[in-house]
Amino acid sequence: KGRFTISRDNAKNTVYLQMNSLKAEDTAVYYCAAAPKVGTMA
């Protein structure tokens, strides 16, 4: 929170993850995923 920003462009069928102030602990394989619906934000 405060370092990464998620956004989407439905016209381009694309979702983005802007990652700033990266730390060593951010090292990982990053996956995007799609869910048909979710009940709550959490």
PDB file of all heavy atoms in Angstrom:
ATOM      1  N   LYS A   1       0.842  -1.204   0.000  1.00  0.00           N
ATOM      2  CA  LYS A   1       0.000   0.000   0.000  1.00  0.00           C
ATOM      3  C   LYS A   1       0.872   1.247   0.000  1.00  0.00           C
ATOM      4  O   LYS A   1       1.814   1.359   0.785  1.00  0.00           O
ATOM      5  CB  LYS A   1      -0.916  -0.031   1.218  1.00  0.00           C
ATOM      6  CG  LYS A   1      -2.155   0.841   1.104  1.00  0.00           C
ATOM      7  CD  LYS A   1      -3.089   0.587   2.291  1.00  0.00           C
ATOM      8  CE  LYS A   1      -3.637  -0.807   2.295  1.00  0.00           C
ATOM      9  NZ  LYS A   1      -4.611  -1.035   3.397  1.00  0.00           N
ATOM     10  N   GLY A   2       0.554   2.177  -0.888  1.00  0.00           N
ATOM     11  CA  GLY A   2       1.321   3.410  -1.011  1.00  0.00           C
ATOM     12  C   GLY A   2       2.500   3.309  -1.964  1.00  0.00           C
ATOM     13  O   GLY A   2       3.093   4.328  -2.335  1.00  0.00           O
ATOM     14  N   ARG A   3       2.855   2.091  -2.369  1.00  0.00           N
ATOM     15  CA  ARG A   3       3.983   1.902  -3.306  1.00  0.00           C
ATOM     16  C   ARG A   3       3.521   1.353  -4.651  1.00  0.00           C
ATOM     17  O   ARG A   3       4.097   1.690  -5.685  1.00  0.00           O
ATOM     18  CB  ARG A   3       5.015   0.938  -2.710  1.00  0.00           C
ATOM     19  CG  ARG A   3       5.628   1.403  -1.405  1.00  0.00           C
ATOM     20  CD  ARG A   3       6.782   0.504  -0.972  1.00  0.00           C
ATOM     21  NE  ARG A   3       6.360  -0.874  -0.724  1.00  0.00           N
ATOM     22  CZ  ARG A   3       6.872  -1.938  -1.344  1.00  0.00           C
ATOM     23  NH1 ARG A   3       7.826  -1.790  -2.235  1.00  0.00           N
ATOM     24  NH2 ARG A   3       6.444  -3.152  -1.039  1.00  0.00           N
ATOM     25  N   PHE A   4       2.508   0.498  -4.630  1.00  0.00           N
ATOM     26  CA  PHE A   4       2.005  -0.135  -5.853  1.00  0.00           C
ATOM     27  C   PHE A   4       0.642   0.453  -6.217  1.00  0.00           C
ATOM     28  O   PHE A   4      -0.143   0.819  -5.337  1.00  0.00           O
ATOM     29  CB  PHE A   4       1.834  -1.643  -5.654  1.00  0.00           C
ATOM     30  CG  PHE A   4       3.118  -2.414  -5.515  1.00  0.00           C
ATOM     31  CD1 PHE A   4       4.347  -1.798  -5.348  1.00  0.00           C
ATOM     32  CD2 PHE A   4       3.092  -3.811  -5.535  1.00  0.00           C
ATOM     33  CE1 PHE A   4       5.519  -2.516  -5.215  1.00  0.00           C
ATOM     34  CE2 PHE A   4       4.256  -4.550  -5.404  1.00  0.00           C
ATOM     35  CZ  PHE A   4       5.475  -3.905  -5.238  1.00  0.00           C
ATOM     36  N   THR A   5       0.372   0.485  -7.527  1.00  0.00           N
ATOM     37  CA  THR A   5      -0.925   0.947  -8.013  1.00  0.00           C
ATOM     38  C   THR A   5      -1.428  -0.006  -9.082  1.00  0.00           C
ATOM     39  O   THR A   5      -0.725  -0.269 -10.065  1.00  0.00           O
ATOM     40  CB  THR A   5      -0.828   2.360  -8.604  1.00  0.00           C
ATOM     41  OG1 THR A   5      -0.325   3.265  -7.614  1.00  0.00           O
ATOM     42  CG2 THR A   5      -2.198   2.849  -9.056  1.00  0.00           C
ATOM     43  N   ILE A   6      -2.645  -0.500  -8.890  1.00  0.00           N
ATOM     44  CA  ILE A   6      -3.272  -1.361  -9.885  1.00  0.00           C
ATOM     45  C   ILE A   6      -4.261  -0.523 -10.688  1.00  0.00           C
ATOM     46  O   ILE A   6      -4.944   0.359 -10.148  1.00  0.00           O
ATOM     47  CB  ILE A   6      -3.977  -2.568  -9.227  1.00  0.00           C
ATOM     48  CG1 ILE A   6      -4.457  -3.562 -10.285  1.00  0.00           C
ATOM     49  CG2 ILE A   6      -5.115  -2.128  -8.309  1.00  0.00           C
ATOM     50  CD1 ILE A   6      -4.958  -4.886  -9.698  1.00  0.00           C
ATOM     51  N   SER A   7      -4.330  -0.802 -11.972  1.00  0.00           N
ATOM     52  CA  SER A   7      -5.286  -0.112 -12.844  1.00  0.00           C
ATOM     53  C   SER A   7      -5.640  -1.038 -13.995  1.00  0.00           C
ATOM     54  O   SER A   7      -4.988  -2.065 -14.206  1.00  0.00           O
ATOM     55  CB  SER A   7      -4.698   1.202 -13.368  1.00  0.00           C
ATOM     56  OG  SER A   7      -3.543   0.958 -14.154  1.00  0.00           O
ATOM     57  N   ARG A   8      -6.673  -0.684 -14.725  1.00  0.00           N
ATOM     58  CA  ARG A   8      -7.080  -1.506 -15.864  1.00  0.00           C
ATOM     59  C   ARG A   8      -7.583  -0.603 -16.985  1.00  0.00           C
ATOM     60  O   ARG A   8      -8.089   0.500 -16.747  1.00  0.00           O
ATOM     61  CB  ARG A   8      -8.150  -2.508 -15.457  1.00  0.00           C
ATOM     62  CG  ARG A   8      -9.473  -1.920 -15.072  1.00  0.00           C
ATOM     63  CD  ARG A   8     -10.404  -2.984 -14.459  1.00  0.00           C
ATOM     64  NE  ARG A   8     -10.740  -4.029 -15.413  1.00  0.00           N
ATOM     65  CZ  ARG A   8     -11.248  -5.213 -15.042  1.00  0.00           C
ATOM     66  NH1 ARG A   8     -11.440  -5.490 -13.761  1.00  0.00           N
ATOM     67  NH2 ARG A   8     -11.552  -6.109 -15.960  1.00  0.00           N
ATOM     68  N   ASP A   9      -7.453  -1.110 -18.206  1.00  0.00           N
ATOM     69  CA  ASP A   9      -7.981  -0.443 -19.384  1.00  0.00           C
ATOM     70  C   ASP A   9      -8.847  -1.469 -20.104  1.00  0.00           C
ATOM     71  O   ASP A   9      -8.323  -2.351 -20.797  1.00  0.00           O
ATOM     72  CB  ASP A   9      -6.834   0.035 -20.281  1.00  0.00           C
ATOM     73  CG  ASP A   9      -7.315   0.850 -21.465  1.00  0.00           C
ATOM     74  OD1 ASP A   9      -8.481   0.704 -21.866  1.00  0.00           O
ATOM     75  OD2 ASP A   9      -6.513   1.615 -22.004  1.00  0.00           O
ATOM     76  N   ASN A  10     -10.136  -1.382 -19.922  1.00  0.00           N
ATOM     77  CA  ASN A  10     -11.030  -2.390 -20.489  1.00  0.00           C
ATOM     78  C   ASN A  10     -11.067  -2.324 -22.017  1.00  0.00           C
ATOM     79  O   ASN A  10     -11.338  -3.334 -22.665  1.00  0.00           O
ATOM     80  CB  ASN A  10     -12.431  -2.238 -19.918  1.00  0.00           C
ATOM     81  CG  ASN A  10     -12.523  -2.716 -18.476  1.00  0.00           C
ATOM     82  OD1 ASN A  10     -11.676  -3.476 -17.995  1.00  0.00           O
ATOM     83  ND2 ASN A  10     -13.541  -2.268 -17.762  1.00  0.00           N
ATOM     84  N   ALA A  11     -10.786  -1.172 -22.578  1.00  0.00           N
ATOM     85  CA  ALA A  11     -10.748  -1.066 -24.039  1.00  0.00           C
ATOM     86  C   ALA A  11      -9.572  -1.850 -24.613  1.00  0.00           C
ATOM     87  O   ALA A  11      -9.625  -2.292 -25.762  1.00  0.00           O
ATOM     88  CB  ALA A  11     -10.659   0.393 -24.451  1.00  0.00           C
ATOM     89  N   LYS A  12      -8.523  -2.014 -23.813  1.00  0.00           N
ATOM     90  CA  LYS A  12      -7.330  -2.745 -24.257  1.00  0.00           C
ATOM     91  C   LYS A  12      -7.244  -4.135 -23.641  1.00  0.00           C
ATOM     92  O   LYS A  12      -6.257  -4.838 -23.850  1.00  0.00           O
ATOM     93  CB  LYS A  12      -6.066  -1.951 -23.914  1.00  0.00           C
ATOM     94  CG  LYS A  12      -5.959  -0.621 -24.643  1.00  0.00           C
ATOM     95  CD  LYS A  12      -4.656   0.086 -24.297  1.00  0.00           C
ATOM     96  CE  LYS A  12      -4.525   1.395 -25.062  1.00  0.00           C
ATOM     97  NZ  LYS A  12      -3.253   2.106 -24.737  1.00  0.00           N
ATOM     98  N   ASN A  13      -8.241  -4.515 -22.852  1.00  0.00           N
ATOM     99  CA  ASN A  13      -8.223  -5.826 -22.188  1.00  0.00           C
ATOM    100  C   ASN A  13      -6.934  -6.035 -21.399  1.00  0.00           C
ATOM    101  O   ASN A  13      -6.320  -7.108 -21.454  1.00  0.00           O
ATOM    102  CB  ASN A  13      -8.399  -6.960 -23.203  1.00  0.00           C
ATOM    103  CG  ASN A  13      -9.848  -7.180 -23.584  1.00  0.00           C
ATOM    104  OD1 ASN A  13     -10.696  -6.358 -23.289  1.00  0.00           O
ATOM    105  ND2 ASN A  13     -10.136  -8.280 -24.258  1.00  0.00           N
ATOM    106  N   THR A  14      -6.520  -5.022 -20.670  1.00  0.00           N
ATOM    107  CA  THR A  14      -5.229  -5.067 -19.976  1.00  0.00           C
ATOM    108  C   THR A  14      -5.359  -4.528 -18.558  1.00  0.00           C
ATOM    109  O   THR A  14      -6.065  -3.537 -18.326  1.00  0.00           O
ATOM    110  CB  THR A  14      -4.170  -4.261 -20.748  1.00  0.00           C
ATOM    111  OG1 THR A  14      -4.062  -4.779 -22.074  1.00  0.00           O
ATOM    112  CG2 THR A  14      -2.810  -4.368 -20.067  1.00  0.00           C
ATOM    113  N   VAL A  15      -4.675  -5.185 -17.645  1.00  0.00           N
ATOM    114  CA  VAL A  15      -4.558  -4.709 -16.274  1.00  0.00           C
ATOM    115  C   VAL A  15      -3.080  -4.457 -15.985  1.00  0.00           C
ATOM    116  O   VAL A  15      -2.210  -5.168 -16.500  1.00  0.00           O
ATOM    117  CB  VAL A  15      -5.183  -5.698 -15.266  1.00  0.00           C
ATOM    118  CG1 VAL A  15      -4.464  -7.043 -15.308  1.00  0.00           C
ATOM    119  CG2 VAL A  15      -5.189  -5.131 -13.874  1.00  0.00           C
ATOM    120  N   TYR A  16      -2.817  -3.437 -15.194  1.00  0.00           N
ATOM    121  CA  TYR A  16      -1.442  -3.012 -14.927  1.00  0.00           C
ATOM    122  C   TYR A  16      -1.144  -3.043 -13.431  1.00  0.00           C
ATOM    123  O   TYR A  16      -2.038  -2.922 -12.600  1.00  0.00           O
ATOM    124  CB  TYR A  16      -1.219  -1.584 -15.435  1.00  0.00           C
ATOM    125  CG  TYR A  16      -1.547  -1.383 -16.892  1.00  0.00           C
ATOM    126  CD1 TYR A  16      -2.781  -0.858 -17.282  1.00  0.00           C
ATOM    127  CD2 TYR A  16      -0.628  -1.702 -17.880  1.00  0.00           C
ATOM    128  CE1 TYR A  16      -3.092  -0.667 -18.612  1.00  0.00           C
ATOM    129  CE2 TYR A  16      -0.924  -1.513 -19.223  1.00  0.00           C
ATOM    130  CZ  TYR A  16      -2.163  -1.001 -19.578  1.00  0.00           C
ATOM    131  OH  TYR A  16      -2.468  -0.818 -20.911  1.00  0.00           O
ATOM    132  N   LEU A  17       0.130  -3.169 -13.128  1.00  0.00           N
ATOM    133  CA  LEU A  17       0.590  -3.012 -11.753  1.00  0.00           C
ATOM    134  C   LEU A  17       1.833  -2.125 -11.792  1.00  0.00           C
ATOM    135  O   LEU A  17       2.899  -2.577 -12.236  1.00  0.00           O
ATOM    136  CB  LEU A  17       0.907  -4.348 -11.100  1.00  0.00           C
ATOM    137  CG  LEU A  17       1.277  -4.265  -9.621  1.00  0.00           C
ATOM    138  CD1 LEU A  17       0.060  -3.842  -8.783  1.00  0.00           C
ATOM    139  CD2 LEU A  17       1.818  -5.598  -9.109  1.00  0.00           C
ATOM    140  N   GLN A  18       1.682  -0.886 -11.369  1.00  0.00           N
ATOM    141  CA  GLN A  18       2.810   0.023 -11.264  1.00  0.00           C
ATOM    142  C   GLN A  18       3.454  -0.172  -9.895  1.00  0.00           C
ATOM    143  O   GLN A  18       2.787  -0.016  -8.867  1.00  0.00           O
ATOM    144  CB  GLN A  18       2.353   1.476 -11.427  1.00  0.00           C
ATOM    145  CG  GLN A  18       3.458   2.502 -11.268  1.00  0.00           C
ATOM    146  CD  GLN A  18       4.492   2.423 -12.375  1.00  0.00           C
ATOM    147  OE1 GLN A  18       4.147   2.291 -13.551  1.00  0.00           O
ATOM    148  NE2 GLN A  18       5.765   2.497 -12.006  1.00  0.00           N
ATOM    149  N   MET A  19       4.731  -0.507  -9.896  1.00  0.00           N
ATOM    150  CA  MET A  19       5.438  -0.804  -8.662  1.00  0.00           C
ATOM    151  C   MET A  19       6.561   0.209  -8.470  1.00  0.00           C
ATOM    152  O   MET A  19       7.483   0.265  -9.287  1.00  0.00           O
ATOM    153  CB  MET A  19       6.000  -2.221  -8.702  1.00  0.00           C
ATOM    154  CG  MET A  19       4.952  -3.288  -9.004  1.00  0.00           C
ATOM    155  SD  MET A  19       5.600  -4.969  -8.893  1.00  0.00           S
ATOM    156  CE  MET A  19       6.764  -4.962 -10.231  1.00  0.00           C
ATOM    157  N   ASN A  20       6.470   0.992  -7.427  1.00  0.00           N
ATOM    158  CA  ASN A  20       7.479   2.000  -7.111  1.00  0.00           C
ATOM    159  C   ASN A  20       8.151   1.672  -5.783  1.00  0.00           C
ATOM    160  O   ASN A  20       7.639   0.874  -4.995  1.00  0.00           O
ATOM    161  CB  ASN A  20       6.831   3.381  -7.028  1.00  0.00           C
ATOM    162  CG  ASN A  20       6.208   3.818  -8.337  1.00  0.00           C
ATOM    163  OD1 ASN A  20       6.662   3.455  -9.416  1.00  0.00           O
ATOM    164  ND2 ASN A  20       5.145   4.615  -8.244  1.00  0.00           N
ATOM    165  N   SER A  21       9.271   2.297  -5.542  1.00  0.00           N
ATOM    166  CA  SER A  21      10.013   2.108  -4.285  1.00  0.00           C
ATOM    167  C   SER A  21      10.184   0.633  -3.964  1.00  0.00           C
ATOM    168  O   SER A  21       9.920   0.177  -2.851  1.00  0.00           O
ATOM    169  CB  SER A  21       9.285   2.814  -3.124  1.00  0.00           C
ATOM    170  OG  SER A  21       9.133   4.187  -3.396  1.00  0.00           O
ATOM    171  N   LEU A  22      10.635  -0.101  -4.946  1.00  0.00           N
ATOM    172  CA  LEU A  22      10.747  -1.547  -4.786  1.00  0.00           C
ATOM    173  C   LEU A  22      11.782  -1.926  -3.741  1.00  0.00           C
ATOM    174  O   LEU A  22      12.815  -1.253  -3.579  1.00  0.00           O
ATOM    175  CB  LEU A  22      11.078  -2.193  -6.129  1.00  0.00           C
ATOM    176  CG  LEU A  22       9.864  -2.311  -7.078  1.00  0.00           C
ATOM    177  CD1 LEU A  22      10.323  -2.509  -8.510  1.00  0.00           C
ATOM    178  CD2 LEU A  22       8.967  -3.450  -6.630  1.00  0.00           C
ATOM    179  N   LYS A  23      11.480  -3.030  -3.051  1.00  0.00           N
ATOM    180  CA  LYS A  23      12.350  -3.544  -1.998  1.00  0.00           C
ATOM    181  C   LYS A  23      12.778  -4.968  -2.357  1.00  0.00           C
ATOM    182  O   LYS A  23      12.110  -5.642  -3.139  1.00  0.00           O
ATOM    183  CB  LYS A  23      11.607  -3.558  -0.661  1.00  0.00           C
ATOM    184  CG  LYS A  23      11.007  -2.228  -0.267  1.00  0.00           C
ATOM    185  CD  LYS A  23      10.181  -2.376   1.007  1.00  0.00           C
ATOM    186  CE  LYS A  23       9.524  -1.066   1.407  1.00  0.00           C
ATOM    187  NZ  LYS A  23       8.714  -1.204   2.638  1.00  0.00           N
ATOM    188  N   ALA A  24      13.839  -5.427  -1.725  1.00  0.00           N
ATOM    189  CA  ALA A  24      14.312  -6.789  -1.982  1.00  0.00           C
ATOM    190  C   ALA A  24      13.210  -7.809  -1.686  1.00  0.00           C
ATOM    191  O   ALA A  24      13.091  -8.820  -2.395  1.00  0.00           O
ATOM    192  CB  ALA A  24      15.553  -7.071  -1.151  1.00  0.00           C
ATOM    193  N   GLU A  25      12.401  -7.534  -0.687  1.00  0.00           N
ATOM    194  CA  GLU A  25      11.342  -8.479  -0.320  1.00  0.00           C
ATOM    195  C   GLU A  25      10.185  -8.509  -1.318  1.00  0.00           C
ATOM    196  O   GLU A  25       9.277  -9.320  -1.183  1.00  0.00           O
ATOM    197  CB  GLU A  25      10.802  -8.180   1.077  1.00  0.00           C
ATOM    198  CG  GLU A  25      10.407  -6.743   1.314  1.00  0.00           C
ATOM    199  CD  GLU A  25      11.528  -5.946   2.000  1.00  0.00           C
ATOM    200  OE1 GLU A  25      12.705  -6.106   1.605  1.00  0.00           O
ATOM    201  OE2 GLU A  25      11.186  -5.165   2.917  1.00  0.00           O
ATOM    202  N   ASP A  26      10.210  -7.641  -2.317  1.00  0.00           N
ATOM    203  CA  ASP A  26       9.214  -7.710  -3.383  1.00  0.00           C
ATOM    204  C   ASP A  26       9.592  -8.731  -4.454  1.00  0.00           C
ATOM    205  O   ASP A  26       8.805  -8.989  -5.365  1.00  0.00           O
ATOM    206  CB  ASP A  26       9.043  -6.336  -4.053  1.00  0.00           C
ATOM    207  CG  ASP A  26       8.460  -5.297  -3.117  1.00  0.00           C
ATOM    208  OD1 ASP A  26       7.517  -5.625  -2.369  1.00  0.00           O
ATOM    209  OD2 ASP A  26       8.947  -4.139  -3.145  1.00  0.00           O
ATOM    210  N   THR A  27      10.776  -9.303  -4.342  1.00  0.00           N
ATOM    211  CA  THR A  27      11.225 -10.300  -5.302  1.00  0.00           C
ATOM    212  C   THR A  27      10.314 -11.516  -5.280  1.00  0.00           C
ATOM    213  O   THR A  27      10.083 -12.114  -4.228  1.00  0.00           O
ATOM    214  CB  THR A  27      12.668 -10.724  -4.997  1.00  0.00           C
ATOM    215  OG1 THR A  27      13.532  -9.598  -5.198  1.00  0.00           O
ATOM    216  CG2 THR A  27      13.107 -11.860  -5.901  1.00  0.00           C
ATOM    217  N   ALA A  28       9.785 -11.874  -6.450  1.00  0.00           N
ATOM    218  CA  ALA A  28       8.848 -12.989  -6.554  1.00  0.00           C
ATOM    219  C   ALA A  28       8.438 -13.154  -8.009  1.00  0.00           C
ATOM    220  O   ALA A  28       8.745 -12.300  -8.850  1.00  0.00           O
ATOM    221  CB  ALA A  28       7.605 -12.743  -5.700  1.00  0.00           C
ATOM    222  N   VAL A  29       7.724 -14.234  -8.274  1.00  0.00           N
ATOM    223  CA  VAL A  29       7.013 -14.363  -9.539  1.00  0.00           C
ATOM    224  C   VAL A  29       5.641 -13.735  -9.342  1.00  0.00           C
ATOM    225  O   VAL A  29       4.937 -14.049  -8.383  1.00  0.00           O
ATOM    226  CB  VAL A  29       6.867 -15.833  -9.970  1.00  0.00           C
ATOM    227  CG1 VAL A  29       6.047 -15.932 -11.248  1.00  0.00           C
ATOM    228  CG2 VAL A  29       8.244 -16.471 -10.150  1.00  0.00           C
ATOM    229  N   TYR A  30       5.282 -12.832 -10.236  1.00  0.00           N
ATOM    230  CA  TYR A  30       4.015 -12.122 -10.152  1.00  0.00           C
ATOM    231  C   TYR A  30       3.016 -12.700 -11.157  1.00  0.00           C
ATOM    232  O   TYR A  30       3.349 -12.887 -12.336  1.00  0.00           O
ATOM    233  CB  TYR A  30       4.229 -10.626 -10.414  1.00  0.00           C
ATOM    234  CG  TYR A  30       4.828  -9.913  -9.227  1.00  0.00           C
ATOM    235  CD1 TYR A  30       6.150 -10.128  -8.851  1.00  0.00           C
ATOM    236  CD2 TYR A  30       4.062  -9.026  -8.465  1.00  0.00           C
ATOM    237  CE1 TYR A  30       6.692  -9.493  -7.747  1.00  0.00           C
ATOM    238  CE2 TYR A  30       4.601  -8.377  -7.360  1.00  0.00           C
ATOM    239  CZ  TYR A  30       5.910  -8.621  -7.010  1.00  0.00           C
ATOM    240  OH  TYR A  30       6.448  -7.981  -5.917  1.00  0.00           O
ATOM    241  N   TYR A  31       1.820 -12.958 -10.657  1.00  0.00           N
ATOM    242  CA  TYR A  31       0.763 -13.549 -11.469  1.00  0.00           C
ATOM    243  C   TYR A  31      -0.447 -12.615 -11.513  1.00  0.00           C
ATOM    244  O   TYR A  31      -0.817 -12.032 -10.481  1.00  0.00           O
ATOM    245  CB  TYR A  31       0.299 -14.875 -10.872  1.00  0.00           C
ATOM    246  CG  TYR A  31       1.353 -15.931 -10.781  1.00  0.00           C
ATOM    247  CD1 TYR A  31       2.163 -16.046  -9.652  1.00  0.00           C
ATOM    248  CD2 TYR A  31       1.536 -16.846 -11.820  1.00  0.00           C
ATOM    249  CE1 TYR A  31       3.128 -17.036  -9.564  1.00  0.00           C
ATOM    250  CE2 TYR A  31       2.496 -17.840 -11.724  1.00  0.00           C
ATOM    251  CZ  TYR A  31       3.286 -17.929 -10.598  1.00  0.00           C
ATOM    252  OH  TYR A  31       4.239 -18.910 -10.515  1.00  0.00           O
ATOM    253  N   CYS A  32      -1.068 -12.515 -12.673  1.00  0.00           N
ATOM    254  CA  CYS A  32      -2.373 -11.867 -12.703  1.00  0.00           C
ATOM    255  C   CYS A  32      -3.442 -12.954 -12.766  1.00  0.00           C
ATOM    256  O   CYS A  32      -3.184 -14.084 -13.201  1.00  0.00           O
ATOM    257  CB  CYS A  32      -2.508 -10.878 -13.851  1.00  0.00           C
ATOM    258  SG  CYS A  32      -2.632 -11.596 -15.485  1.00  0.00           S
ATOM    259  N   ALA A  33      -4.626 -12.595 -12.304  1.00  0.00           N
ATOM    260  CA  ALA A  33      -5.706 -13.558 -12.210  1.00  0.00           C
ATOM    261  C   ALA A  33      -7.046 -12.856 -12.417  1.00  0.00           C
ATOM    262  O   ALA A  33      -7.169 -11.665 -12.151  1.00  0.00           O
ATOM    263  CB  ALA A  33      -5.678 -14.260 -10.858  1.00  0.00           C
ATOM    264  N   ALA A  34      -8.030 -13.633 -12.857  1.00  0.00           N
ATOM    265  CA  ALA A  34      -9.364 -13.092 -13.126  1.00  0.00           C
ATOM    266  C   ALA A  34     -10.401 -13.852 -12.317  1.00  0.00           C
ATOM    267  O   ALA A  34     -10.383 -15.088 -12.271  1.00  0.00           O
ATOM    268  CB  ALA A  34      -9.694 -13.188 -14.620  1.00  0.00           C
ATOM    269  N   ALA A  35     -11.296 -13.093 -11.698  1.00  0.00           N
ATOM    270  CA  ALA A  35     -12.375 -13.673 -10.908  1.00  0.00           C
ATOM    271  C   ALA A  35     -13.708 -13.192 -11.473  1.00  0.00           C
ATOM    272  O   ALA A  35     -13.871 -12.004 -11.717  1.00  0.00           O
ATOM    273  CB  ALA A  35     -12.252 -13.255  -9.449  1.00  0.00           C
ATOM    274  N   PRO A  36     -14.677 -14.099 -11.650  1.00  0.00           N
ATOM    275  CA  PRO A  36     -15.961 -13.683 -12.221  1.00  0.00           C
ATOM    276  C   PRO A  36     -16.720 -12.698 -11.338  1.00  0.00           C
ATOM    277  O   PRO A  36     -17.417 -11.823 -11.829  1.00  0.00           O
ATOM    278  CB  PRO A  36     -16.720 -14.998 -12.384  1.00  0.00           C
ATOM    279  CG  PRO A  36     -16.052 -15.954 -11.473  1.00  0.00           C
ATOM    280  CD  PRO A  36     -14.617 -15.524 -11.378  1.00  0.00           C
ATOM    281  N   LYS A  37     -16.564 -12.837 -10.047  1.00  0.00           N
ATOM    282  CA  LYS A  37     -17.176 -11.890  -9.127  1.00  0.00           C
ATOM    283  C   LYS A  37     -16.605 -12.131  -7.740  1.00  0.00           C
ATOM    284  O   LYS A  37     -16.090 -13.208  -7.444  1.00  0.00           O
ATOM    285  CB  LYS A  37     -18.697 -12.056  -9.093  1.00  0.00           C
ATOM    286  CG  LYS A  37     -19.173 -13.395  -8.574  1.00  0.00           C
ATOM    287  CD  LYS A  37     -20.686 -13.474  -8.543  1.00  0.00           C
ATOM    288  CE  LYS A  37     -21.156 -14.833  -8.029  1.00  0.00           C
ATOM    289  NZ  LYS A  37     -22.639 -14.909  -7.982  1.00  0.00           N
ATOM    290  N   VAL A  38     -16.654 -11.119  -6.919  1.00  0.00           N
ATOM    291  CA  VAL A  38     -16.277 -11.263  -5.520  1.00  0.00           C
ATOM    292  C   VAL A  38     -17.336 -10.576  -4.673  1.00  0.00           C
ATOM    293  O   VAL A  38     -17.931  -9.586  -5.096  1.00  0.00           O
ATOM    294  CB  VAL A  38     -14.882 -10.670  -5.223  1.00  0.00           C
ATOM    295  CG1 VAL A  38     -13.800 -11.459  -5.926  1.00  0.00           C
ATOM    296  CG2 VAL A  38     -14.821  -9.214  -5.615  1.00  0.00           C
ATOM    297  N   GLY A  39     -17.561 -11.098  -3.490  1.00  0.00           N
ATOM    298  CA  GLY A  39     -18.639 -10.553  -2.676  1.00  0.00           C
ATOM    299  C   GLY A  39     -18.284  -9.253  -1.989  1.00  0.00           C
ATOM    300  O   GLY A  39     -19.112  -8.362  -1.847  1.00  0.00           O
ATOM    301  N   THR A  40     -17.026  -9.120  -1.575  1.00  0.00           N
ATOM    302  CA  THR A  40     -16.592  -7.926  -0.855  1.00  0.00           C
ATOM    303  C   THR A  40     -15.218  -7.513  -1.353  1.00  0.00           C
ATOM    304  O   THR A  40     -14.543  -8.270  -2.045  1.00  0.00           O
ATOM    305  CB  THR A  40     -16.506  -8.198   0.655  1.00  0.00           C
ATOM    306  OG1 THR A  40     -15.486  -9.178   0.881  1.00  0.00           O
ATOM    307  CG2 THR A  40     -17.833  -8.712   1.204  1.00  0.00           C
ATOM    308  N   MET A  41     -14.807  -6.327  -0.966  1.00  0.00           N
ATOM    309  CA  MET A  41     -13.463  -5.874  -1.348  1.00  0.00           C
ATOM    310  C   MET A  41     -12.415  -6.818  -0.774  1.00  0.00           C
ATOM    311  O   MET A  41     -11.458  -7.188  -1.455  1.00  0.00           O
ATOM    312  CB  MET A  41     -13.243  -4.456  -0.827  1.00  0.00           C
ATOM    313  CG  MET A  41     -14.084  -3.408  -1.514  1.00  0.00           C
ATOM    314  SD  MET A  41     -13.586  -3.150  -3.213  1.00  0.00           S
ATOM    315  CE  MET A  41     -12.018  -2.348  -2.965  1.00  0.00           C
ATOM    316  N   ALA A  42     -12.596  -7.205   0.474  1.00  0.00           N
ATOM    317  CA  ALA A  42     -11.622  -8.087   1.115  1.00  0.00           C
ATOM    318  C   ALA A  42     -11.538  -9.432   0.413  1.00  0.00           C
ATOM    319  O   ALA A  42     -10.484 -10.079   0.438  1.00  0.00           O
ATOM    320  CB  ALA A  42     -11.987  -8.272   2.582  1.00  0.00           C
TER     321      ALA A  42
END
